[in-house]
Amino acid sequence: MLVGGEKNESRTAPGDRAVRQKTDSRIRVRAAARVAGLVAASTLVLAACSAGGTEPSGGSSDPSAKTPAVASEVRSAALSFTASTLAGKKMDVSSLAGKPVVLWFWAPWCTICRAEAPDVAKVAAELDGRVRFLGVPGLGQENDMRAFVEDTGTGGFDHLVDSDGSLWLRFGVVAQPAFAFVAPDGSVQVFAGALGGDALRERAQSLVVKG
């Protein structure tokens, strides 16, 4: 009788079995959803890296080879910060509030950044006095950043050193190159990826019209 009792206790009622099956099914669905989410997140990271990368690579040197992604939002206090320039001076960027500003995010080892640098320098010179350009180098040593500026002829505008990544984070930049277009009304458009000279000029000029 004792043995029979043990067997009865080990049996699962049909109703309990159905509940367990439903629970197991829900767990499997949730696990699949989590895996899908991780795969999607990994894809986004790889896409960001391919647009400029977070590590040195010998990627395409054609700045127009990538189609930049854009994210628009309003940040009225986007320029409310101070930073040190490569020249060793402190800059109160908030003094530029109400003016058209273009920030160029680059890294000294980035081959795509180096390839698009002449276009950035040319457009910045053409719009001097109308649109303020600022470089925001990161992911490198200051000596390498200075060498990059000298080699690429981009010394015609200030470059803000972002040694701790806080400025990139402020604008939601996760990979280089990238651009942030700040209109006089405080609205900001951030482009991930390279821009050719014509596209950069058009975007920068639109800030003046918008203002």
N, C-alpha and C. Protein backbone atom coordinates (compact mmCIF):
# COMPACT_ATOMS: atom_id res chain seq x y z
N MET A 1 0.82 -1.21 0.00
CA MET A 1 0.00 0.00 0.00
C MET A 1 0.85 1.26 0.00
N LEU A 2 1.96 1.17 0.76
CA LEU A 2 2.85 2.34 0.82
C LEU A 2 3.44 2.63 -0.54
N VAL A 3 3.83 1.52 -1.24
CA VAL A 3 4.40 1.70 -2.58
C VAL A 3 3.38 2.29 -3.53
N GLY A 4 2.15 1.76 -3.41
CA GLY A 4 1.10 2.29 -4.28
C GLY A 4 0.84 3.74 -4.01
N GLY A 5 0.91 4.14 -2.72
CA GLY A 5 0.70 5.54 -2.35
C GLY A 5 1.74 6.43 -2.96
N GLU A 6 3.02 5.97 -2.97
CA GLU A 6 4.09 6.78 -3.55
C GLU A 6 3.87 6.99 -5.03
N LYS A 7 3.35 5.91 -5.69
CA LYS A 7 3.12 6.06 -7.12
C LYS A 7 2.02 7.08 -7.39
N ASN A 8 0.98 7.04 -6.55
CA ASN A 8 -0.10 8.00 -6.74
C ASN A 8 0.36 9.43 -6.55
N GLU A 9 1.28 9.67 -5.58
CA GLU A 9 1.78 11.01 -5.32
C GLU A 9 2.63 11.53 -6.46
N SER A 10 3.32 10.61 -7.19
CA SER A 10 4.23 11.04 -8.26
C SER A 10 3.50 11.34 -9.55
N ARG A 11 2.23 10.92 -9.61
CA ARG A 11 1.47 11.18 -10.83
C ARG A 11 1.04 12.65 -10.89
N THR A 12 0.93 13.17 -12.12
CA THR A 12 0.49 14.56 -12.33
C THR A 12 -0.90 14.57 -12.93
N ALA A 13 -1.77 15.31 -12.30
CA ALA A 13 -3.14 15.40 -12.79
C ALA A 13 -3.16 16.03 -14.17
N PRO A 14 -4.09 15.67 -15.04
CA PRO A 14 -4.17 16.25 -16.40
C PRO A 14 -4.21 17.77 -16.39
N GLY A 15 -4.96 18.32 -15.43
CA GLY A 15 -5.05 19.78 -15.36
C GLY A 15 -3.70 20.41 -15.05
N ASP A 16 -2.96 19.81 -14.09
CA ASP A 16 -1.64 20.33 -13.74
C ASP A 16 -0.69 20.21 -14.91
N ARG A 17 -0.80 19.10 -15.65
CA ARG A 17 0.10 18.89 -16.79
C ARG A 17 -0.13 19.97 -17.85
N ALA A 18 -1.37 20.34 -18.07
CA ALA A 18 -1.69 21.37 -19.07
C ALA A 18 -1.14 22.72 -18.66
N VAL A 19 -1.25 23.02 -17.35
CA VAL A 19 -0.72 24.29 -16.85
C VAL A 19 0.78 24.36 -17.04
N ARG A 20 1.45 23.24 -16.73
CA ARG A 20 2.92 23.20 -16.88
C ARG A 20 3.33 23.35 -18.34
N GLN A 21 2.57 22.72 -19.23
CA GLN A 21 2.89 22.85 -20.65
C GLN A 21 2.74 24.28 -21.13
N LYS A 22 1.67 24.96 -20.66
CA LYS A 22 1.48 26.36 -21.05
C LYS A 22 2.60 27.23 -20.51
N THR A 23 3.02 26.95 -19.26
CA THR A 23 4.09 27.73 -18.64
C THR A 23 5.40 27.54 -19.41
N ASP A 24 5.69 26.25 -19.75
CA ASP A 24 6.91 25.97 -20.50
C ASP A 24 6.88 26.67 -21.85
N SER A 25 5.70 26.69 -22.48
CA SER A 25 5.57 27.34 -23.78
C SER A 25 5.84 28.83 -23.68
N ARG A 26 5.31 29.46 -22.61
CA ARG A 26 5.53 30.90 -22.41
C ARG A 26 7.01 31.19 -22.17
N ILE A 27 7.68 30.32 -21.42
CA ILE A 27 9.11 30.52 -21.14
C ILE A 27 9.92 30.45 -22.43
N ARG A 28 9.55 29.45 -23.28
CA ARG A 28 10.28 29.32 -24.55
C ARG A 28 10.05 30.54 -25.44
N VAL A 29 8.83 31.08 -25.46
CA VAL A 29 8.54 32.26 -26.28
C VAL A 29 9.33 33.46 -25.78
N ARG A 30 9.38 33.65 -24.45
CA ARG A 30 10.13 34.77 -23.88
C ARG A 30 11.61 34.64 -24.17
N ALA A 31 12.14 33.41 -24.07
CA ALA A 31 13.56 33.19 -24.35
C ALA A 31 13.88 33.50 -25.80
N ALA A 32 12.98 33.09 -26.70
CA ALA A 32 13.20 33.36 -28.12
C ALA A 32 13.19 34.85 -28.38
N ALA A 33 12.27 35.58 -27.69
CA ALA A 33 12.20 37.03 -27.87
C ALA A 33 13.47 37.71 -27.40
N ARG A 34 14.02 37.22 -26.27
CA ARG A 34 15.25 37.80 -25.75
C ARG A 34 16.41 37.57 -26.71
N VAL A 35 16.49 36.37 -27.27
CA VAL A 35 17.55 36.06 -28.24
C VAL A 35 17.44 36.96 -29.46
N ALA A 36 16.19 37.14 -29.94
CA ALA A 36 15.97 38.01 -31.10
C ALA A 36 16.40 39.43 -30.79
N GLY A 37 16.11 39.89 -29.57
CA GLY A 37 16.51 41.25 -29.17
C GLY A 37 18.00 41.40 -29.15
N LEU A 38 18.70 40.39 -28.63
CA LEU A 38 20.16 40.44 -28.58
C LEU A 38 20.76 40.45 -29.98
N VAL A 39 20.18 39.64 -30.88
CA VAL A 39 20.67 39.61 -32.26
C VAL A 39 20.48 40.96 -32.92
N ALA A 40 19.30 41.59 -32.69
CA ALA A 40 19.04 42.92 -33.27
C ALA A 40 20.01 43.95 -32.74
N ALA A 41 20.28 43.91 -31.43
CA ALA A 41 21.21 44.87 -30.83
C ALA A 41 22.60 44.69 -31.39
N SER A 42 23.02 43.42 -31.57
CA SER A 42 24.35 43.15 -32.13
C SER A 42 24.45 43.67 -33.55
N THR A 43 23.35 43.52 -34.31
CA THR A 43 23.34 44.01 -35.68
C THR A 43 23.52 45.52 -35.74
N LEU A 44 22.85 46.24 -34.81
CA LEU A 44 22.98 47.70 -34.77
C LEU A 44 24.40 48.11 -34.45
N VAL A 45 25.05 47.42 -33.50
CA VAL A 45 26.42 47.75 -33.13
C VAL A 45 27.35 47.54 -34.30
N LEU A 46 27.17 46.39 -35.01
CA LEU A 46 28.02 46.11 -36.15
C LEU A 46 27.81 47.13 -37.25
N ALA A 47 26.55 47.56 -37.42
CA ALA A 47 26.27 48.58 -38.44
C ALA A 47 26.95 49.88 -38.10
N ALA A 48 26.93 50.26 -36.83
CA ALA A 48 27.58 51.50 -36.40
C ALA A 48 29.08 51.41 -36.64
N CYS A 49 29.67 50.25 -36.33
CA CYS A 49 31.11 50.08 -36.52
C CYS A 49 31.46 50.16 -37.99
N SER A 50 30.58 49.61 -38.88
CA SER A 50 30.89 49.62 -40.30
C SER A 50 30.84 51.02 -40.88
N ALA A 51 30.12 51.94 -40.20
CA ALA A 51 30.03 53.32 -40.69
C ALA A 51 31.27 54.11 -40.38
N GLY A 52 32.11 53.63 -39.51
CA GLY A 52 33.33 54.36 -39.19
C GLY A 52 34.15 53.53 -38.24
N GLY A 53 33.47 52.69 -37.48
CA GLY A 53 34.16 51.75 -36.62
C GLY A 53 34.52 52.34 -35.29
N THR A 54 34.77 51.45 -34.33
CA THR A 54 35.26 51.87 -33.04
C THR A 54 36.66 51.37 -32.83
N GLU A 55 37.24 50.75 -33.88
CA GLU A 55 38.60 50.28 -33.84
C GLU A 55 39.28 50.65 -35.14
N PRO A 56 40.60 50.84 -35.17
CA PRO A 56 41.29 51.15 -36.41
C PRO A 56 41.07 50.06 -37.43
N SER A 57 40.82 50.43 -38.67
CA SER A 57 40.65 49.44 -39.72
C SER A 57 40.99 50.07 -41.05
N GLY A 58 41.12 49.26 -42.05
CA GLY A 58 41.45 49.75 -43.38
C GLY A 58 40.23 49.82 -44.24
N GLY A 59 39.13 50.34 -43.72
CA GLY A 59 37.85 50.40 -44.43
C GLY A 59 37.92 51.32 -45.62
N SER A 60 36.77 51.46 -46.27
CA SER A 60 36.69 52.28 -47.46
C SER A 60 37.12 53.71 -47.16
N SER A 61 37.88 54.29 -48.08
CA SER A 61 38.34 55.66 -47.89
C SER A 61 37.44 56.64 -48.62
N ASP A 62 36.36 56.16 -49.22
CA ASP A 62 35.44 57.02 -49.94
C ASP A 62 34.37 57.53 -48.99
N PRO A 63 34.40 58.84 -48.64
CA PRO A 63 33.44 59.38 -47.66
C PRO A 63 32.00 59.23 -48.10
N SER A 64 31.75 59.15 -49.41
CA SER A 64 30.38 59.07 -49.89
C SER A 64 29.90 57.63 -50.03
N ALA A 65 30.75 56.66 -49.63
CA ALA A 65 30.40 55.25 -49.80
C ALA A 65 29.35 54.81 -48.80
N LYS A 66 29.20 55.53 -47.70
CA LYS A 66 28.23 55.17 -46.68
C LYS A 66 27.06 56.15 -46.67
N THR A 67 25.87 55.64 -46.47
CA THR A 67 24.70 56.49 -46.33
C THR A 67 24.46 56.72 -44.85
N PRO A 68 24.64 57.95 -44.36
CA PRO A 68 24.51 58.20 -42.93
C PRO A 68 23.09 58.07 -42.43
N ALA A 69 22.98 57.60 -41.20
CA ALA A 69 21.67 57.54 -40.56
C ALA A 69 21.45 58.85 -39.82
N VAL A 70 20.19 59.23 -39.65
CA VAL A 70 19.90 60.50 -39.00
C VAL A 70 18.89 60.30 -37.88
N ALA A 71 19.12 61.01 -36.80
CA ALA A 71 18.17 61.01 -35.69
C ALA A 71 17.93 62.45 -35.29
N SER A 72 16.70 62.90 -35.37
CA SER A 72 16.38 64.29 -35.06
C SER A 72 15.75 64.40 -33.69
N GLU A 73 16.10 65.43 -32.98
CA GLU A 73 15.46 65.71 -31.71
C GLU A 73 15.80 67.14 -31.30
N VAL A 74 15.09 67.65 -30.34
CA VAL A 74 15.32 69.01 -29.88
C VAL A 74 16.06 68.98 -28.55
N ARG A 75 17.18 69.67 -28.49
CA ARG A 75 17.94 69.78 -27.25
C ARG A 75 18.33 71.25 -27.10
N SER A 76 17.51 72.00 -26.41
CA SER A 76 17.74 73.43 -26.30
C SER A 76 19.05 73.74 -25.58
N ALA A 77 19.53 72.79 -24.75
CA ALA A 77 20.76 73.02 -24.00
C ALA A 77 21.92 72.21 -24.55
N ALA A 78 21.86 71.87 -25.84
CA ALA A 78 22.88 71.00 -26.44
C ALA A 78 24.28 71.59 -26.32
N LEU A 79 24.38 72.91 -26.38
CA LEU A 79 25.70 73.56 -26.37
C LEU A 79 26.07 74.10 -24.99
N SER A 80 25.37 73.69 -23.97
CA SER A 80 25.65 74.18 -22.62
C SER A 80 26.75 73.36 -21.96
N PHE A 81 27.98 73.55 -22.40
CA PHE A 81 29.12 72.86 -21.80
C PHE A 81 30.41 73.61 -22.11
N THR A 82 31.44 73.29 -21.39
CA THR A 82 32.78 73.84 -21.65
C THR A 82 33.70 72.68 -21.97
N ALA A 83 34.73 72.95 -22.73
CA ALA A 83 35.67 71.90 -23.12
C ALA A 83 37.03 72.53 -23.43
N SER A 84 38.05 71.69 -23.46
CA SER A 84 39.40 72.14 -23.80
C SER A 84 39.66 71.87 -25.27
N THR A 85 40.28 72.82 -25.92
CA THR A 85 40.62 72.64 -27.33
C THR A 85 41.98 71.97 -27.46
N LEU A 86 42.31 71.51 -28.66
CA LEU A 86 43.62 70.91 -28.90
C LEU A 86 44.74 71.92 -28.71
N ALA A 87 44.38 73.21 -28.78
CA ALA A 87 45.37 74.27 -28.56
C ALA A 87 45.60 74.52 -27.08
N GLY A 88 44.84 73.82 -26.23
CA GLY A 88 45.03 73.97 -24.79
C GLY A 88 44.22 75.07 -24.15
N LYS A 89 43.23 75.57 -24.85
CA LYS A 89 42.40 76.65 -24.31
C LYS A 89 41.04 76.11 -23.88
N LYS A 90 40.45 76.75 -22.87
CA LYS A 90 39.11 76.41 -22.44
C LYS A 90 38.10 77.16 -23.31
N MET A 91 37.09 76.45 -23.76
CA MET A 91 36.06 77.09 -24.57
C MET A 91 34.70 76.93 -23.90
N ASP A 92 34.01 78.05 -23.75
CA ASP A 92 32.64 78.02 -23.24
C ASP A 92 31.73 77.93 -24.45
N VAL A 93 31.34 76.71 -24.79
CA VAL A 93 30.57 76.47 -26.00
C VAL A 93 29.17 77.07 -25.90
N SER A 94 28.69 77.30 -24.69
CA SER A 94 27.35 77.88 -24.52
C SER A 94 27.27 79.28 -25.14
N SER A 95 28.43 79.91 -25.36
CA SER A 95 28.44 81.23 -25.98
C SER A 95 27.99 81.18 -27.44
N LEU A 96 27.94 79.96 -27.99
CA LEU A 96 27.53 79.79 -29.38
C LEU A 96 26.03 79.52 -29.51
N ALA A 97 25.33 79.45 -28.38
CA ALA A 97 23.88 79.21 -28.41
C ALA A 97 23.19 80.29 -29.22
N GLY A 98 22.24 79.88 -30.06
CA GLY A 98 21.54 80.83 -30.91
C GLY A 98 22.22 81.04 -32.25
N LYS A 99 23.32 80.32 -32.48
CA LYS A 99 24.04 80.42 -33.75
C LYS A 99 24.09 79.05 -34.42
N PRO A 100 24.25 79.00 -35.74
CA PRO A 100 24.37 77.71 -36.43
C PRO A 100 25.73 77.08 -36.11
N VAL A 101 25.72 75.84 -35.68
CA VAL A 101 26.96 75.15 -35.31
C VAL A 101 26.95 73.73 -35.89
N VAL A 102 28.10 73.33 -36.42
CA VAL A 102 28.28 71.96 -36.90
C VAL A 102 29.41 71.32 -36.10
N LEU A 103 29.14 70.19 -35.46
CA LEU A 103 30.16 69.46 -34.73
C LEU A 103 30.52 68.20 -35.52
N TRP A 104 31.81 68.00 -35.70
CA TRP A 104 32.32 66.86 -36.46
C TRP A 104 33.03 65.93 -35.50
N PHE A 105 32.53 64.72 -35.32
CA PHE A 105 33.09 63.75 -34.40
C PHE A 105 34.02 62.80 -35.17
N TRP A 106 35.28 62.76 -34.76
CA TRP A 106 36.26 61.95 -35.47
C TRP A 106 37.28 61.33 -34.52
N ALA A 107 38.06 60.40 -35.03
CA ALA A 107 39.13 59.76 -34.27
C ALA A 107 40.41 59.83 -35.09
N PRO A 108 41.55 59.97 -34.45
CA PRO A 108 42.81 60.18 -35.19
C PRO A 108 43.24 59.01 -36.07
N TRP A 109 42.80 57.80 -35.75
CA TRP A 109 43.19 56.62 -36.53
C TRP A 109 42.15 56.25 -37.59
N CYS A 110 41.04 56.96 -37.63
CA CYS A 110 39.92 56.62 -38.51
C CYS A 110 40.24 57.00 -39.97
N THR A 111 40.32 56.00 -40.84
CA THR A 111 40.67 56.26 -42.23
C THR A 111 39.57 57.02 -42.97
N ILE A 112 38.32 56.75 -42.63
CA ILE A 112 37.21 57.46 -43.27
C ILE A 112 37.21 58.92 -42.85
N CYS A 113 37.49 59.17 -41.56
CA CYS A 113 37.59 60.55 -41.07
C CYS A 113 38.69 61.30 -41.81
N ARG A 114 39.79 60.63 -42.00
CA ARG A 114 40.93 61.25 -42.69
C ARG A 114 40.57 61.55 -44.15
N ALA A 115 39.83 60.65 -44.78
CA ALA A 115 39.46 60.84 -46.18
C ALA A 115 38.48 61.99 -46.37
N GLU A 116 37.56 62.19 -45.40
CA GLU A 116 36.57 63.25 -45.55
C GLU A 116 37.06 64.59 -44.99
N ALA A 117 38.19 64.59 -44.31
CA ALA A 117 38.71 65.81 -43.67
C ALA A 117 38.87 66.98 -44.64
N PRO A 118 39.42 66.78 -45.85
CA PRO A 118 39.55 67.93 -46.77
C PRO A 118 38.21 68.57 -47.11
N ASP A 119 37.18 67.76 -47.27
CA ASP A 119 35.85 68.30 -47.55
C ASP A 119 35.33 69.11 -46.37
N VAL A 120 35.55 68.59 -45.16
CA VAL A 120 35.10 69.30 -43.96
C VAL A 120 35.81 70.65 -43.86
N ALA A 121 37.13 70.63 -44.08
CA ALA A 121 37.92 71.87 -44.01
C ALA A 121 37.45 72.88 -45.07
N LYS A 122 37.15 72.39 -46.27
CA LYS A 122 36.73 73.28 -47.36
C LYS A 122 35.38 73.92 -47.06
N VAL A 123 34.41 73.11 -46.62
CA VAL A 123 33.08 73.64 -46.32
C VAL A 123 33.14 74.60 -45.14
N ALA A 124 33.93 74.27 -44.14
CA ALA A 124 34.07 75.15 -42.97
C ALA A 124 34.63 76.51 -43.38
N ALA A 125 35.59 76.51 -44.29
CA ALA A 125 36.18 77.76 -44.77
C ALA A 125 35.18 78.56 -45.59
N GLU A 126 34.41 77.87 -46.42
CA GLU A 126 33.42 78.54 -47.27
C GLU A 126 32.33 79.23 -46.43
N LEU A 127 31.96 78.59 -45.32
CA LEU A 127 30.87 79.12 -44.49
C LEU A 127 31.37 79.86 -43.26
N ASP A 128 32.63 80.17 -43.24
CA ASP A 128 33.21 80.89 -42.11
C ASP A 128 32.49 82.23 -41.90
N GLY A 129 32.09 82.47 -40.66
CA GLY A 129 31.35 83.69 -40.35
C GLY A 129 29.86 83.51 -40.41
N ARG A 130 29.42 82.39 -41.01
CA ARG A 130 27.98 82.10 -41.10
C ARG A 130 27.61 80.88 -40.28
N VAL A 131 28.47 79.86 -40.34
CA VAL A 131 28.26 78.63 -39.58
C VAL A 131 29.55 78.29 -38.84
N ARG A 132 29.45 78.02 -37.56
CA ARG A 132 30.63 77.69 -36.76
C ARG A 132 30.86 76.18 -36.78
N PHE A 133 32.05 75.78 -37.18
CA PHE A 133 32.43 74.37 -37.19
C PHE A 133 33.32 74.06 -35.99
N LEU A 134 33.08 72.91 -35.37
CA LEU A 134 33.90 72.44 -34.26
C LEU A 134 34.19 70.95 -34.45
N GLY A 135 35.46 70.58 -34.34
CA GLY A 135 35.81 69.17 -34.36
C GLY A 135 35.72 68.62 -32.94
N VAL A 136 35.34 67.36 -32.82
CA VAL A 136 35.26 66.72 -31.51
C VAL A 136 35.98 65.37 -31.59
N PRO A 137 37.32 65.39 -31.49
CA PRO A 137 38.07 64.14 -31.58
C PRO A 137 37.99 63.33 -30.29
N GLY A 138 37.97 62.02 -30.46
CA GLY A 138 37.96 61.12 -29.31
C GLY A 138 38.65 59.82 -29.64
N LEU A 139 38.65 58.89 -28.70
CA LEU A 139 39.21 57.55 -28.90
C LEU A 139 40.67 57.59 -29.36
N GLY A 140 41.46 58.44 -28.72
CA GLY A 140 42.87 58.52 -29.09
C GLY A 140 43.64 59.44 -28.17
N GLN A 141 44.94 59.55 -28.43
CA GLN A 141 45.80 60.42 -27.65
C GLN A 141 45.85 61.82 -28.28
N GLU A 142 46.05 62.82 -27.46
CA GLU A 142 46.05 64.20 -27.96
C GLU A 142 47.15 64.44 -28.98
N ASN A 143 48.31 63.83 -28.79
CA ASN A 143 49.40 64.00 -29.76
C ASN A 143 48.99 63.48 -31.13
N ASP A 144 48.28 62.36 -31.15
CA ASP A 144 47.81 61.80 -32.42
C ASP A 144 46.72 62.69 -33.02
N MET A 145 45.91 63.29 -32.16
CA MET A 145 44.87 64.19 -32.66
C MET A 145 45.49 65.42 -33.31
N ARG A 146 46.51 65.96 -32.69
CA ARG A 146 47.17 67.14 -33.25
C ARG A 146 47.84 66.80 -34.58
N ALA A 147 48.44 65.62 -34.65
CA ALA A 147 49.07 65.19 -35.90
C ALA A 147 48.04 65.03 -37.00
N PHE A 148 46.87 64.52 -36.65
CA PHE A 148 45.78 64.35 -37.62
C PHE A 148 45.37 65.71 -38.18
N VAL A 149 45.17 66.68 -37.30
CA VAL A 149 44.76 68.02 -37.73
C VAL A 149 45.80 68.64 -38.66
N GLU A 150 47.06 68.47 -38.31
CA GLU A 150 48.13 69.03 -39.14
C GLU A 150 48.20 68.33 -40.49
N ASP A 151 48.08 67.01 -40.48
CA ASP A 151 48.18 66.24 -41.73
C ASP A 151 47.01 66.51 -42.66
N THR A 152 45.83 66.72 -42.11
CA THR A 152 44.62 66.86 -42.93
C THR A 152 44.25 68.30 -43.25
N GLY A 153 44.98 69.26 -42.68
CA GLY A 153 44.68 70.66 -42.96
C GLY A 153 43.37 71.13 -42.38
N THR A 154 42.99 70.56 -41.23
CA THR A 154 41.72 70.94 -40.60
C THR A 154 41.94 71.87 -39.40
N GLY A 155 43.02 72.61 -39.43
CA GLY A 155 43.31 73.52 -38.33
C GLY A 155 42.61 74.86 -38.43
N GLY A 156 41.75 75.01 -39.42
CA GLY A 156 41.06 76.29 -39.60
C GLY A 156 39.91 76.49 -38.64
N PHE A 157 39.57 75.48 -37.85
CA PHE A 157 38.52 75.62 -36.84
C PHE A 157 38.95 74.86 -35.58
N ASP A 158 38.30 75.17 -34.47
CA ASP A 158 38.68 74.57 -33.18
C ASP A 158 38.25 73.11 -33.10
N HIS A 159 39.05 72.36 -32.32
CA HIS A 159 38.75 70.96 -32.07
C HIS A 159 38.69 70.76 -30.56
N LEU A 160 37.58 70.23 -30.07
CA LEU A 160 37.37 70.02 -28.64
C LEU A 160 37.76 68.60 -28.26
N VAL A 161 38.70 68.47 -27.35
CA VAL A 161 39.19 67.15 -26.95
C VAL A 161 38.14 66.44 -26.09
N ASP A 162 37.76 65.25 -26.51
CA ASP A 162 36.78 64.46 -25.76
C ASP A 162 37.46 63.19 -25.25
N SER A 163 38.36 63.36 -24.31
CA SER A 163 39.16 62.24 -23.81
C SER A 163 38.36 61.21 -23.05
N ASP A 164 37.26 61.62 -22.42
CA ASP A 164 36.46 60.67 -21.63
C ASP A 164 35.16 60.25 -22.32
N GLY A 165 34.94 60.72 -23.53
CA GLY A 165 33.76 60.31 -24.28
C GLY A 165 32.47 61.01 -23.87
N SER A 166 32.55 61.98 -22.98
CA SER A 166 31.32 62.62 -22.48
C SER A 166 30.63 63.47 -23.54
N LEU A 167 31.41 64.08 -24.44
CA LEU A 167 30.79 64.90 -25.48
C LEU A 167 30.11 64.03 -26.53
N TRP A 168 30.75 62.94 -26.89
CA TRP A 168 30.12 62.01 -27.83
C TRP A 168 28.82 61.50 -27.23
N LEU A 169 28.87 61.13 -25.94
CA LEU A 169 27.67 60.62 -25.27
C LEU A 169 26.58 61.67 -25.23
N ARG A 170 26.97 62.91 -25.03
CA ARG A 170 26.00 64.02 -24.94
C ARG A 170 25.15 64.11 -26.20
N PHE A 171 25.77 63.82 -27.34
CA PHE A 171 25.05 63.91 -28.61
C PHE A 171 24.63 62.53 -29.15
N GLY A 172 24.81 61.50 -28.35
CA GLY A 172 24.38 60.17 -28.76
C GLY A 172 25.24 59.54 -29.83
N VAL A 173 26.49 59.98 -29.94
CA VAL A 173 27.40 59.45 -30.95
C VAL A 173 28.10 58.21 -30.40
N VAL A 174 28.06 57.12 -31.15
CA VAL A 174 28.68 55.87 -30.69
C VAL A 174 29.80 55.41 -31.62
N ALA A 175 29.93 56.03 -32.78
CA ALA A 175 30.97 55.65 -33.73
C ALA A 175 31.33 56.85 -34.58
N GLN A 176 32.50 56.81 -35.14
CA GLN A 176 32.98 57.90 -35.97
C GLN A 176 33.09 57.45 -37.43
N PRO A 177 32.97 58.39 -38.37
CA PRO A 177 32.66 59.80 -38.17
C PRO A 177 31.17 60.02 -37.94
N ALA A 178 30.86 61.19 -37.42
CA ALA A 178 29.46 61.59 -37.21
C ALA A 178 29.41 63.11 -37.19
N PHE A 179 28.23 63.64 -37.43
CA PHE A 179 28.04 65.09 -37.42
C PHE A 179 26.81 65.44 -36.60
N ALA A 180 26.88 66.56 -35.89
CA ALA A 180 25.72 67.11 -35.19
C ALA A 180 25.49 68.52 -35.72
N PHE A 181 24.32 68.76 -36.25
CA PHE A 181 23.96 70.06 -36.80
C PHE A 181 23.02 70.75 -35.81
N VAL A 182 23.50 71.82 -35.22
CA VAL A 182 22.74 72.54 -34.20
C VAL A 182 22.23 73.85 -34.80
N ALA A 183 20.92 73.98 -34.91
CA ALA A 183 20.30 75.17 -35.48
C ALA A 183 20.18 76.27 -34.42
N PRO A 184 20.03 77.51 -34.83
CA PRO A 184 19.88 78.61 -33.88
C PRO A 184 18.71 78.44 -32.91
N ASP A 185 17.67 77.69 -33.33
CA ASP A 185 16.53 77.50 -32.44
C ASP A 185 16.75 76.39 -31.42
N GLY A 186 17.95 75.79 -31.44
CA GLY A 186 18.28 74.76 -30.46
C GLY A 186 18.02 73.34 -30.91
N SER A 187 17.39 73.16 -32.08
CA SER A 187 17.15 71.81 -32.58
C SER A 187 18.45 71.19 -33.08
N VAL A 188 18.55 69.87 -32.97
CA VAL A 188 19.78 69.16 -33.31
C VAL A 188 19.47 67.98 -34.22
N GLN A 189 20.28 67.82 -35.24
CA GLN A 189 20.23 66.62 -36.08
C GLN A 189 21.60 65.96 -36.00
N VAL A 190 21.61 64.68 -35.66
CA VAL A 190 22.86 63.93 -35.56
C VAL A 190 22.91 62.90 -36.67
N PHE A 191 23.96 62.96 -37.49
CA PHE A 191 24.15 62.02 -38.58
C PHE A 191 25.28 61.06 -38.23
N ALA A 192 25.02 59.76 -38.32
CA ALA A 192 26.05 58.76 -38.09
C ALA A 192 26.61 58.32 -39.43
N GLY A 193 27.90 58.53 -39.63
CA GLY A 193 28.52 58.15 -40.89
C GLY A 193 29.15 59.34 -41.58
N ALA A 194 29.79 59.06 -42.70
CA ALA A 194 30.48 60.11 -43.45
C ALA A 194 29.51 60.89 -44.32
N LEU A 195 29.85 62.14 -44.59
CA LEU A 195 29.10 62.98 -45.51
C LEU A 195 30.05 63.51 -46.56
N GLY A 196 29.65 63.46 -47.81
CA GLY A 196 30.46 64.07 -48.86
C GLY A 196 30.40 65.59 -48.74
N GLY A 197 31.25 66.27 -49.47
CA GLY A 197 31.31 67.72 -49.39
C GLY A 197 30.00 68.41 -49.72
N ASP A 198 29.32 67.96 -50.78
CA ASP A 198 28.07 68.59 -51.20
C ASP A 198 26.98 68.41 -50.15
N ALA A 199 26.88 67.21 -49.61
CA ALA A 199 25.85 66.94 -48.60
C ALA A 199 26.12 67.74 -47.32
N LEU A 200 27.39 67.81 -46.95
CA LEU A 200 27.76 68.57 -45.75
C LEU A 200 27.45 70.05 -45.94
N ARG A 201 27.78 70.57 -47.10
CA ARG A 201 27.51 71.99 -47.39
C ARG A 201 26.01 72.28 -47.34
N GLU A 202 25.24 71.41 -47.95
CA GLU A 202 23.78 71.61 -47.99
C GLU A 202 23.19 71.59 -46.58
N ARG A 203 23.63 70.64 -45.77
CA ARG A 203 23.12 70.55 -44.40
C ARG A 203 23.52 71.77 -43.57
N ALA A 204 24.77 72.17 -43.72
CA ALA A 204 25.26 73.30 -42.94
C ALA A 204 24.55 74.59 -43.35
N GLN A 205 24.35 74.79 -44.64
CA GLN A 205 23.67 75.99 -45.13
C GLN A 205 22.21 76.03 -44.68
N SER A 206 21.59 74.86 -44.53
CA SER A 206 20.19 74.81 -44.11
C SER A 206 20.02 75.36 -42.70
N LEU A 207 21.09 75.31 -41.90
CA LEU A 207 21.03 75.86 -40.55
C LEU A 207 20.85 77.37 -40.58
N VAL A 208 21.48 78.01 -41.55
CA VAL A 208 21.38 79.47 -41.67
C VAL A 208 19.96 79.85 -42.08
N VAL A 209 19.40 79.10 -43.01
CA VAL A 209 18.02 79.34 -43.47
C VAL A 209 17.04 79.11 -42.33
N LYS A 210 17.28 78.03 -41.56
CA LYS A 210 16.38 77.69 -40.47
C LYS A 210 16.43 78.75 -39.37
N GLY A 211 17.60 79.33 -39.21
CA GLY A 211 17.74 80.34 -38.17
C GLY A 211 17.04 81.62 -38.53
